[in-house]
Protein backbone atom coordinates (compact mmCIF):
# COMPACT_ATOMS: atom_id res chain seq x y z
CA MET A 1 19.44 34.56 -53.67
CA ALA A 2 22.03 36.26 -52.11
CA THR A 3 20.26 39.10 -51.33
CA LYS A 4 17.31 37.37 -49.60
CA SER A 5 19.87 35.51 -48.10
CA ARG A 6 21.95 39.00 -46.63
CA LYS A 7 18.86 40.24 -46.17
CA LEU A 8 17.31 37.20 -44.10
CA ALA A 9 20.68 37.02 -42.09
CA LEU A 10 20.18 41.44 -41.55
CA GLN A 11 16.57 40.55 -39.88
CA LEU A 12 17.53 37.32 -37.51
CA PHE A 13 20.61 39.85 -36.51
CA ALA A 14 18.28 42.54 -35.79
CA PHE A 15 15.93 39.95 -33.94
CA ALA A 16 18.55 38.40 -31.26
CA VAL A 17 20.16 42.18 -31.02
CA SER A 18 16.47 42.85 -29.67
CA ILE A 19 15.79 39.82 -27.35
CA VAL A 20 19.44 40.56 -25.79
CA MET A 21 18.70 44.37 -25.35
CA LEU A 22 15.36 43.22 -23.90
CA LEU A 23 17.16 41.13 -21.47
CA ALA A 24 19.38 43.63 -20.41
CA ALA A 25 16.69 46.00 -19.63
CA PHE A 26 14.99 43.14 -17.11
CA ALA A 27 18.34 42.67 -15.40
CA ALA A 28 19.08 46.27 -14.87
CA VAL A 29 15.73 46.65 -13.44
CA PRO A 30 15.62 45.54 -9.52
CA PRO A 31 12.92 43.10 -8.45
CA VAL A 32 10.25 45.32 -6.70
CA SER A 33 8.95 44.28 -3.02
CA VAL A 34 5.31 44.42 -1.71
CA HIS A 35 6.41 45.77 0.72
CA ALA A 36 9.18 47.37 0.32
CA ALA A 37 8.49 50.86 2.12
CA GLY A 38 5.44 52.39 3.77
CA THR A 39 3.75 51.17 7.60
CA ASP A 40 2.37 47.73 8.26
CA LEU A 41 -0.50 47.79 10.67
CA TYR A 42 -2.19 44.12 11.56
CA VAL A 43 -5.87 43.13 12.79
CA GLY A 44 -6.78 40.35 14.50
CA TYR A 45 -3.19 39.46 15.50
CA SER A 46 -2.28 39.59 19.00
CA GLY A 47 0.87 40.13 20.61
CA ARG A 48 1.72 42.20 17.72
CA ASN A 49 2.32 46.14 17.34
CA ASN A 50 0.32 48.42 15.32
CA ASN A 51 -2.30 45.23 16.47
CA PHE A 52 -6.23 46.46 16.01
CA SER A 53 -9.20 44.61 17.05
CA THR A 54 -11.36 45.77 13.82
CA VAL A 55 -10.49 46.92 10.21
CA GLN A 56 -12.04 50.33 10.66
CA ALA A 57 -9.65 51.11 13.73
CA ALA A 58 -6.75 50.18 11.76
CA VAL A 59 -8.14 52.35 8.33
CA ASP A 60 -8.62 55.19 11.02
CA LYS A 61 -4.94 54.76 12.20
CA ALA A 62 -3.83 54.50 8.49
CA ALA A 63 -5.87 57.26 7.54
CA SER A 64 -4.00 59.53 10.38
CA LEU A 65 -0.89 58.51 8.85
CA ASN A 66 -1.66 60.73 5.83
CA PRO A 67 0.10 58.35 3.16
CA SER A 68 0.55 60.07 0.36
CA SER A 69 2.47 57.82 -2.48
CA GLU A 70 3.62 54.60 -2.98
CA ALA A 71 6.35 55.33 -0.59
CA ASN A 72 4.20 56.10 2.49
CA ARG A 73 1.78 53.21 1.46
CA VAL A 74 -0.20 51.62 4.58
CA THR A 75 -0.66 47.89 4.76
CA ILE A 76 -3.10 46.44 6.66
CA HIS A 77 -2.93 42.81 7.68
CA ILE A 78 -6.17 40.59 8.49
CA ALA A 79 -5.59 37.62 10.45
CA PRO A 80 -8.43 34.84 9.76
CA GLY A 81 -12.04 35.34 10.98
CA THR A 82 -15.15 36.40 10.50
CA TYR A 83 -15.40 40.29 10.30
CA ARG A 84 -18.79 41.54 10.25
CA GLN A 85 -18.92 45.39 10.00
CA GLN A 86 -19.30 48.40 7.67
CA VAL A 87 -15.52 49.81 6.71
CA ILE A 88 -15.39 53.57 5.11
CA VAL A 89 -12.14 53.59 3.19
CA GLN A 90 -11.16 57.32 2.48
CA THR A 91 -7.44 57.27 2.02
CA PRO A 92 -5.23 56.53 -0.70
CA TYR A 93 -2.87 54.54 -0.27
CA ILE A 94 -4.24 51.66 2.07
CA THR A 95 -3.49 48.07 0.93
CA PHE A 96 -5.28 44.92 2.45
CA VAL A 97 -3.57 41.73 2.42
CA ASN A 98 -5.25 38.59 3.49
CA ASP A 99 -2.05 36.86 5.17
CA GLU A 100 -3.52 33.19 5.49
CA PRO A 101 -6.04 32.44 2.90
């Protein structure tokens, strides 16, 4: 009976240590911001810098910036509205964000 109790105690101890290590790993990793780096472009926002009247114009500007990694990802913020156009995207690392659902 003593060996079963000892085995259970060791299992509980190992479980507790695992939980503590997992929590420590989460505490050591800083939170990632969606817009930590890169460039922000806007469509349909009057009065903002980097504002475009069409989504394709913003995509073309993003392509000219040549984003090549997550560190220089381009985020295109789109104002509420109806956009009737075909948009061709051939550049990686571009994110489209609907700022106001």
